[in-house]
Amino acid sequence: MTRFFDVLFSTIAIVILLPFMIPIMIGLKLTGEHYIFYEQMRIGKGGREFPVLKFATMLKDSPNMPGGLYTSKNDPRLLPMGKFLRKTKINELPQLINILRGDMSIIGYRPLVRSGYLEYPEAARRKLAKAVPGLSGIGSIVFRNEEEIMQNVSETDDQEEKVRFHEEVIAPYKAELECWYIDHKSIFMYFRLIFLTIDAVKNPKSRRWWRELKRKGLPKPPKELKGYL
């Protein structure tokens, strides 16, 4: 049933948003390294890799440059339009094509690069392998400001401390959230998380997700994330 709505909603979104995305594509072509899209291999259903499509926001070789997979405030690897596209999440819009292909759903767990995927406990990885990843989902809603959290973990730009915090605090909690969604997956939850995604985009500081879902057994954030979520 959700596949029908995935195709319907993504098709409508592409038609409506295309006039808005064309100027972005022109801007990316004329600035930075002159490329529009960026494909990154992520882990999807069955533990198989697939290319996630995004608007380009960073230098092509950024994963191999200082900072690796984590961005910092005023990161020099960001393209001229990159900060705006990432902050507004507009860089994720090309994934509507991934949804049409069937690689992703509108709602699901957020697909990760292999290194991030391996940070999840093995039991969580086995559960995720049975489901389709999503453009949004409970993990994306709760960690809508993950880049900001990572930037504020250390007063200095200590990459080792940021990596440790992500591996020991963020990844385990996010894995709990994603597994919770799979355990509570339904057409009702699908639409509920779509509306909570819209709420999070409109009001990034909203905690409506917690008020509405805590009675459904949503895992409580660890104390280390107090003040961040």
C-alpha atoms as a PDB file:
ATOM      1  CA  MET A   1       0.000   0.000   0.000  1.00  0.00           C
ATOM      2  CA  THR A   2       2.782   2.476   0.875  1.00  0.00           C
ATOM      3  CA  ARG A   3       4.411   1.840  -2.521  1.00  0.00           C
ATOM      4  CA  PHE A   4       1.332   3.270  -4.244  1.00  0.00           C
ATOM      5  CA  PHE A   5       1.547   6.454  -2.176  1.00  0.00           C
ATOM      6  CA  ASP A   6       5.339   6.623  -2.674  1.00  0.00           C
ATOM      7  CA  VAL A   7       4.914   6.725  -6.460  1.00  0.00           C
ATOM      8  CA  LEU A   8       1.917   9.073  -6.301  1.00  0.00           C
ATOM      9  CA  PHE A   9       3.451  11.603  -3.893  1.00  0.00           C
ATOM     10  CA  SER A  10       6.939  11.588  -5.430  1.00  0.00           C
ATOM     11  CA  THR A  11       5.528  12.110  -8.926  1.00  0.00           C
ATOM     12  CA  ILE A  12       3.365  15.020  -7.745  1.00  0.00           C
ATOM     13  CA  ALA A  13       6.319  16.510  -5.827  1.00  0.00           C
ATOM     14  CA  ILE A  14       8.636  16.331  -8.848  1.00  0.00           C
ATOM     15  CA  VAL A  15       6.054  18.035 -11.086  1.00  0.00           C
ATOM     16  CA  ILE A  16       5.412  20.797  -8.530  1.00  0.00           C
ATOM     17  CA  LEU A  17       9.044  21.333  -7.505  1.00  0.00           C
ATOM     18  CA  LEU A  18      10.699  21.094 -10.929  1.00  0.00           C
ATOM     19  CA  PRO A  19      10.321  24.839 -11.731  1.00  0.00           C
ATOM     20  CA  PHE A  20      11.972  25.547  -8.368  1.00  0.00           C
ATOM     21  CA  MET A  21      14.751  22.978  -8.847  1.00  0.00           C
ATOM     22  CA  ILE A  22      15.751  24.184 -12.332  1.00  0.00           C
ATOM     23  CA  PRO A  23      17.268  27.490 -11.037  1.00  0.00           C
ATOM     24  CA  ILE A  24      19.135  25.473  -8.375  1.00  0.00           C
ATOM     25  CA  MET A  25      20.571  23.184 -11.058  1.00  0.00           C
ATOM     26  CA  ILE A  26      21.609  26.184 -13.151  1.00  0.00           C
ATOM     27  CA  GLY A  27      23.218  27.812 -10.096  1.00  0.00           C
ATOM     28  CA  LEU A  28      25.182  24.656  -9.273  1.00  0.00           C
ATOM     29  CA  LYS A  29      26.318  24.318 -12.903  1.00  0.00           C
ATOM     30  CA  LEU A  30      27.634  27.875 -12.907  1.00  0.00           C
ATOM     31  CA  THR A  31      29.378  27.775  -9.512  1.00  0.00           C
ATOM     32  CA  GLY A  32      31.695  25.555  -7.475  1.00  0.00           C
ATOM     33  CA  GLU A  33      32.983  22.585  -9.433  1.00  0.00           C
ATOM     34  CA  HIS A  34      30.172  22.922 -12.005  1.00  0.00           C
ATOM     35  CA  TYR A  35      28.433  19.648 -11.216  1.00  0.00           C
ATOM     36  CA  ILE A  36      24.788  19.369 -10.213  1.00  0.00           C
ATOM     37  CA  PHE A  37      24.218  15.969  -8.646  1.00  0.00           C
ATOM     38  CA  TYR A  38      26.201  13.872  -6.231  1.00  0.00           C
ATOM     39  CA  GLU A  39      25.753  10.121  -5.922  1.00  0.00           C
ATOM     40  CA  GLN A  40      26.719   8.490  -2.650  1.00  0.00           C
ATOM     41  CA  MET A  41      26.568   4.760  -2.033  1.00  0.00           C
ATOM     42  CA  ARG A  42      24.265   3.898   0.859  1.00  0.00           C
ATOM     43  CA  ILE A  43      23.062   0.644   2.421  1.00  0.00           C
ATOM     44  CA  GLY A  44      19.471  -0.295   1.590  1.00  0.00           C
ATOM     45  CA  LYS A  45      17.150  -3.270   1.808  1.00  0.00           C
ATOM     46  CA  GLY A  46      18.916  -6.592   2.112  1.00  0.00           C
ATOM     47  CA  GLY A  47      22.120  -4.827   3.154  1.00  0.00           C
ATOM     48  CA  ARG A  48      22.789  -3.979  -0.495  1.00  0.00           C
ATOM     49  CA  GLU A  49      24.383  -0.720  -1.603  1.00  0.00           C
ATOM     50  CA  PHE A  50      22.608   1.683  -3.945  1.00  0.00           C
ATOM     51  CA  PRO A  51      23.416   5.232  -5.137  1.00  0.00           C
ATOM     52  CA  VAL A  52      21.541   7.971  -3.273  1.00  0.00           C
ATOM     53  CA  LEU A  53      21.062  11.071  -5.399  1.00  0.00           C
ATOM     54  CA  LYS A  54      21.584  14.552  -3.942  1.00  0.00           C
ATOM     55  CA  PHE A  55      22.255  18.075  -5.124  1.00  0.00           C
ATOM     56  CA  ALA A  56      25.978  18.747  -4.873  1.00  0.00           C
ATOM     57  CA  THR A  57      26.865  20.722  -1.737  1.00  0.00           C
ATOM     58  CA  MET A  58      30.544  19.899  -1.145  1.00  0.00           C
ATOM     59  CA  LEU A  59      33.739  19.438  -3.111  1.00  0.00           C
ATOM     60  CA  LYS A  60      33.875  16.084  -4.894  1.00  0.00           C
ATOM     61  CA  ASP A  61      36.861  14.877  -2.904  1.00  0.00           C
ATOM     62  CA  SER A  62      35.533  16.115   0.460  1.00  0.00           C
ATOM     63  CA  PRO A  63      35.327  12.610   2.099  1.00  0.00           C
ATOM     64  CA  ASN A  64      39.095  12.295   1.606  1.00  0.00           C
ATOM     65  CA  MET A  65      39.839  15.784   2.923  1.00  0.00           C
ATOM     66  CA  PRO A  66      40.239  16.894   6.592  1.00  0.00           C
ATOM     67  CA  GLY A  67      36.872  16.443   8.328  1.00  0.00           C
ATOM     68  CA  GLY A  68      35.964  13.276   6.463  1.00  0.00           C
ATOM     69  CA  LEU A  69      32.222  12.532   6.622  1.00  0.00           C
ATOM     70  CA  TYR A  70      31.553  15.204   9.265  1.00  0.00           C
ATOM     71  CA  THR A  71      31.038  18.844   8.385  1.00  0.00           C
ATOM     72  CA  SER A  72      32.022  21.741  10.610  1.00  0.00           C
ATOM     73  CA  LYS A  73      30.714  25.267  10.914  1.00  0.00           C
ATOM     74  CA  ASN A  74      31.806  27.280   7.856  1.00  0.00           C
ATOM     75  CA  ASP A  75      33.389  24.114   6.443  1.00  0.00           C
ATOM     76  CA  PRO A  76      35.760  25.191   3.634  1.00  0.00           C
ATOM     77  CA  ARG A  77      34.708  22.147   1.594  1.00  0.00           C
ATOM     78  CA  LEU A  78      31.178  23.521   1.138  1.00  0.00           C
ATOM     79  CA  LEU A  79      30.278  24.804  -2.325  1.00  0.00           C
ATOM     80  CA  PRO A  80      28.889  28.377  -2.657  1.00  0.00           C
ATOM     81  CA  MET A  81      25.280  27.136  -2.504  1.00  0.00           C
ATOM     82  CA  GLY A  82      26.075  24.202  -0.232  1.00  0.00           C
ATOM     83  CA  LYS A  83      25.330  25.687   3.181  1.00  0.00           C
ATOM     84  CA  PHE A  84      21.888  26.910   2.114  1.00  0.00           C
ATOM     85  CA  LEU A  85      20.973  23.626   0.407  1.00  0.00           C
ATOM     86  CA  ARG A  86      22.019  21.537   3.427  1.00  0.00           C
ATOM     87  CA  LYS A  87      20.383  23.782   6.044  1.00  0.00           C
ATOM     88  CA  THR A  88      17.044  23.742   4.200  1.00  0.00           C
ATOM     89  CA  LYS A  89      17.391  20.024   3.265  1.00  0.00           C
ATOM     90  CA  ILE A  90      16.776  20.999  -0.371  1.00  0.00           C
ATOM     91  CA  ASN A  91      19.852  18.958  -1.277  1.00  0.00           C
ATOM     92  CA  GLU A  92      17.797  15.823  -0.505  1.00  0.00           C
ATOM     93  CA  LEU A  93      15.070  16.533  -3.098  1.00  0.00           C
ATOM     94  CA  PRO A  94      16.679  14.516  -5.950  1.00  0.00           C
ATOM     95  CA  GLN A  95      15.997  11.427  -3.833  1.00  0.00           C
ATOM     96  CA  LEU A  96      12.443  11.638  -5.152  1.00  0.00           C
ATOM     97  CA  ILE A  97      13.975   9.852  -8.145  1.00  0.00           C
ATOM     98  CA  ASN A  98      15.299   7.133  -5.808  1.00  0.00           C
ATOM     99  CA  ILE A  99      11.734   6.718  -4.550  1.00  0.00           C
ATOM    100  CA  LEU A 100      10.366   6.319  -8.075  1.00  0.00           C
ATOM    101  CA  ARG A 101      13.057   3.714  -8.774  1.00  0.00           C
ATOM    102  CA  GLY A 102      11.979   1.754  -5.709  1.00  0.00           C
ATOM    103  CA  ASP A 103      15.305   2.151  -3.895  1.00  0.00           C
ATOM    104  CA  MET A 104      13.604   4.172  -1.174  1.00  0.00           C
ATOM    105  CA  SER A 105      10.240   5.029   0.331  1.00  0.00           C
ATOM    106  CA  ILE A 106       9.017   8.442   1.463  1.00  0.00           C
ATOM    107  CA  ILE A 107       9.112   7.149   5.053  1.00  0.00           C
ATOM    108  CA  GLY A 108      11.607   4.621   6.386  1.00  0.00           C
ATOM    109  CA  TYR A 109      14.951   4.398   8.135  1.00  0.00           C
ATOM    110  CA  ARG A 110      17.602   6.758   6.836  1.00  0.00           C
ATOM    111  CA  PRO A 111      20.072   4.888   4.564  1.00  0.00           C
ATOM    112  CA  LEU A 112      23.677   5.198   5.714  1.00  0.00           C
ATOM    113  CA  VAL A 113      27.103   4.954   4.165  1.00  0.00           C
ATOM    114  CA  ARG A 114      28.752   1.645   5.058  1.00  0.00           C
ATOM    115  CA  SER A 115      30.898   3.084   7.856  1.00  0.00           C
ATOM    116  CA  GLY A 116      27.834   4.625   9.537  1.00  0.00           C
ATOM    117  CA  TYR A 117      25.795   1.472   8.989  1.00  0.00           C
ATOM    118  CA  LEU A 118      28.459  -0.598  10.758  1.00  0.00           C
ATOM    119  CA  GLU A 119      28.151   1.672  13.819  1.00  0.00           C
ATOM    120  CA  TYR A 120      24.682   0.199  14.390  1.00  0.00           C
ATOM    121  CA  PRO A 121      24.438  -2.943  16.544  1.00  0.00           C
ATOM    122  CA  GLU A 122      24.270  -6.174  14.547  1.00  0.00           C
ATOM    123  CA  ALA A 123      20.685  -6.876  15.698  1.00  0.00           C
ATOM    124  CA  ALA A 124      19.604  -3.461  14.380  1.00  0.00           C
ATOM    125  CA  ARG A 125      21.335  -4.056  11.038  1.00  0.00           C
ATOM    126  CA  ARG A 126      19.505  -7.371  10.623  1.00  0.00           C
ATOM    127  CA  LYS A 127      16.169  -5.663  11.269  1.00  0.00           C
ATOM    128  CA  LEU A 128      16.884  -2.773   8.909  1.00  0.00           C
ATOM    129  CA  ALA A 129      17.919  -5.179   6.156  1.00  0.00           C
ATOM    130  CA  LYS A 130      14.301  -6.380   5.990  1.00  0.00           C
ATOM    131  CA  ALA A 131      12.892  -2.916   5.269  1.00  0.00           C
ATOM    132  CA  VAL A 132      13.172  -0.170   2.650  1.00  0.00           C
ATOM    133  CA  PRO A 133      15.016   3.040   3.637  1.00  0.00           C
ATOM    134  CA  GLY A 134      13.273   6.389   3.401  1.00  0.00           C
ATOM    135  CA  LEU A 135      13.627  10.020   2.421  1.00  0.00           C
ATOM    136  CA  SER A 136      12.425  10.835   5.922  1.00  0.00           C
ATOM    137  CA  GLY A 137      11.523   8.885   9.027  1.00  0.00           C
ATOM    138  CA  ILE A 138      11.665   9.050  12.797  1.00  0.00           C
ATOM    139  CA  GLY A 139      15.477   9.117  12.792  1.00  0.00           C
ATOM    140  CA  SER A 140      15.515  12.017  10.332  1.00  0.00           C
ATOM    141  CA  ILE A 141      12.878  13.926  12.326  1.00  0.00           C
ATOM    142  CA  VAL A 142      14.602  13.530  15.694  1.00  0.00           C
ATOM    143  CA  PHE A 143      18.069  14.261  14.242  1.00  0.00           C
ATOM    144  CA  ARG A 144      16.984  16.978  11.821  1.00  0.00           C
ATOM    145  CA  ASN A 145      19.799  19.135  13.298  1.00  0.00           C
ATOM    146  CA  GLU A 146      22.454  16.403  13.442  1.00  0.00           C
ATOM    147  CA  GLU A 147      25.077  18.527  11.706  1.00  0.00           C
ATOM    148  CA  GLU A 148      24.527  21.286  14.265  1.00  0.00           C
ATOM    149  CA  ILE A 149      24.830  18.762  17.107  1.00  0.00           C
ATOM    150  CA  MET A 150      28.106  17.472  15.704  1.00  0.00           C
ATOM    151  CA  GLN A 151      29.429  21.012  15.334  1.00  0.00           C
ATOM    152  CA  ASN A 152      28.663  21.780  18.987  1.00  0.00           C
ATOM    153  CA  VAL A 153      29.974  18.549  20.518  1.00  0.00           C
ATOM    154  CA  SER A 154      33.387  20.109  21.122  1.00  0.00           C
ATOM    155  CA  GLU A 155      34.336  23.733  21.641  1.00  0.00           C
ATOM    156  CA  THR A 156      37.378  22.944  19.551  1.00  0.00           C
ATOM    157  CA  ASP A 157      37.186  21.256  16.171  1.00  0.00           C
ATOM    158  CA  ASP A 158      38.334  17.935  17.675  1.00  0.00           C
ATOM    159  CA  GLN A 159      37.376  15.352  15.051  1.00  0.00           C
ATOM    160  CA  GLU A 160      38.224  12.387  17.281  1.00  0.00           C
ATOM    161  CA  GLU A 161      35.829  13.622  19.949  1.00  0.00           C
ATOM    162  CA  LYS A 162      33.093  14.166  17.359  1.00  0.00           C
ATOM    163  CA  VAL A 163      33.573  10.653  15.950  1.00  0.00           C
ATOM    164  CA  ARG A 164      33.468   9.142  19.444  1.00  0.00           C
ATOM    165  CA  PHE A 165      30.283  11.042  20.324  1.00  0.00           C
ATOM    166  CA  HIS A 166      28.624   9.899  17.105  1.00  0.00           C
ATOM    167  CA  GLU A 167      29.629   6.254  17.583  1.00  0.00           C
ATOM    168  CA  GLU A 168      28.777   6.063  21.290  1.00  0.00           C
ATOM    169  CA  VAL A 169      25.747   8.342  21.604  1.00  0.00           C
ATOM    170  CA  ILE A 170      24.076   9.301  18.324  1.00  0.00           C
ATOM    171  CA  ALA A 171      24.370   6.012  16.376  1.00  0.00           C
ATOM    172  CA  PRO A 172      23.007   3.728  19.161  1.00  0.00           C
ATOM    173  CA  TYR A 173      20.030   6.003  19.807  1.00  0.00           C
ATOM    174  CA  LYS A 174      19.311   6.470  16.120  1.00  0.00           C
ATOM    175  CA  ALA A 175      19.417   2.677  15.657  1.00  0.00           C
ATOM    176  CA  GLU A 176      16.828   2.349  18.464  1.00  0.00           C
ATOM    177  CA  LEU A 177      14.588   4.873  16.731  1.00  0.00           C
ATOM    178  CA  GLU A 178      14.836   3.197  13.334  1.00  0.00           C
ATOM    179  CA  CYS A 179      14.095  -0.235  14.827  1.00  0.00           C
ATOM    180  CA  TRP A 180      11.139   1.261  16.711  1.00  0.00           C
ATOM    181  CA  TYR A 181       9.713   2.478  13.399  1.00  0.00           C
ATOM    182  CA  ILE A 182      10.048  -0.939  11.790  1.00  0.00           C
ATOM    183  CA  ASP A 183       8.293  -2.519  14.793  1.00  0.00           C
ATOM    184  CA  HIS A 184       5.448   0.029  14.509  1.00  0.00           C
ATOM    185  CA  LYS A 185       5.300   0.272  10.725  1.00  0.00           C
ATOM    186  CA  SER A 186       1.778   0.770   9.334  1.00  0.00           C
ATOM    187  CA  ILE A 187      -0.020   2.954   6.801  1.00  0.00           C
ATOM    188  CA  PHE A 188      -1.202   5.098   9.737  1.00  0.00           C
ATOM    189  CA  MET A 189       2.379   5.595  10.986  1.00  0.00           C
ATOM    190  CA  TYR A 190       3.495   6.331   7.408  1.00  0.00           C
ATOM    191  CA  PHE A 191       1.151   9.326   7.185  1.00  0.00           C
ATOM    192  CA  ARG A 192       1.810  10.368  10.772  1.00  0.00           C
ATOM    193  CA  LEU A 193       5.541  10.637  10.100  1.00  0.00           C
ATOM    194  CA  ILE A 194       4.921  12.556   6.870  1.00  0.00           C
ATOM    195  CA  PHE A 195       3.026  15.189   8.889  1.00  0.00           C
ATOM    196  CA  LEU A 196       5.695  15.203  11.618  1.00  0.00           C
ATOM    197  CA  THR A 197       8.335  15.713   8.902  1.00  0.00           C
ATOM    198  CA  ILE A 198       6.439  18.752   7.611  1.00  0.00           C
ATOM    199  CA  ASP A 199       6.193  20.050  11.188  1.00  0.00           C
ATOM    200  CA  ALA A 200       9.948  19.578  11.722  1.00  0.00           C
ATOM    201  CA  VAL A 201      10.767  21.425   8.474  1.00  0.00           C
ATOM    202  CA  LYS A 202       8.463  24.334   9.390  1.00  0.00           C
ATOM    203  CA  ASN A 203       9.630  24.463  13.016  1.00  0.00           C
ATOM    204  CA  PRO A 204      13.050  22.808  13.514  1.00  0.00           C
ATOM    205  CA  LYS A 205      12.842  23.247  17.300  1.00  0.00           C
ATOM    206  CA  SER A 206       9.476  21.483  17.565  1.00  0.00           C
ATOM    207  CA  ARG A 207       9.252  18.507  19.935  1.00  0.00           C
ATOM    208  CA  ARG A 208       5.871  17.440  18.653  1.00  0.00           C
ATOM    209  CA  TRP A 209       7.426  14.104  17.634  1.00  0.00           C
ATOM    210  CA  TRP A 210       8.067  13.319  21.311  1.00  0.00           C
ATOM    211  CA  ARG A 211       4.662  14.487  22.548  1.00  0.00           C
ATOM    212  CA  GLU A 212       2.816  12.416  19.950  1.00  0.00           C
ATOM    213  CA  LEU A 213       4.910   9.247  19.930  1.00  0.00           C
ATOM    214  CA  LYS A 214       6.156   8.736  23.502  1.00  0.00           C
ATOM    215  CA  ARG A 215       2.929   6.904  24.352  1.00  0.00           C
ATOM    216  CA  LYS A 216       3.756   4.538  21.500  1.00  0.00           C
ATOM    217  CA  GLY A 217       6.931   3.530  23.303  1.00  0.00           C
ATOM    218  CA  LEU A 218       9.319   5.787  21.371  1.00  0.00           C
ATOM    219  CA  PRO A 219      12.803   5.328  22.914  1.00  0.00           C
ATOM    220  CA  LYS A 220      13.754   8.165  25.260  1.00  0.00           C
ATOM    221  CA  PRO A 221      16.792  10.258  24.260  1.00  0.00           C
ATOM    222  CA  PRO A 222      19.951   9.549  26.290  1.00  0.00           C
ATOM    223  CA  LYS A 223      21.050  12.180  28.811  1.00  0.00           C
ATOM    224  CA  GLU A 224      24.046  13.091  26.614  1.00  0.00           C
ATOM    225  CA  LEU A 225      21.625  14.526  24.029  1.00  0.00           C
ATOM    226  CA  LYS A 226      19.746  16.694  26.518  1.00  0.00           C
ATOM    227  CA  GLY A 227      19.630  20.238  25.193  1.00  0.00           C
ATOM    228  CA  TYR A 228      20.314  19.107  21.627  1.00  0.00           C
ATOM    229  CA  LEU A 229      16.976  17.488  20.689  1.00  0.00           C
END
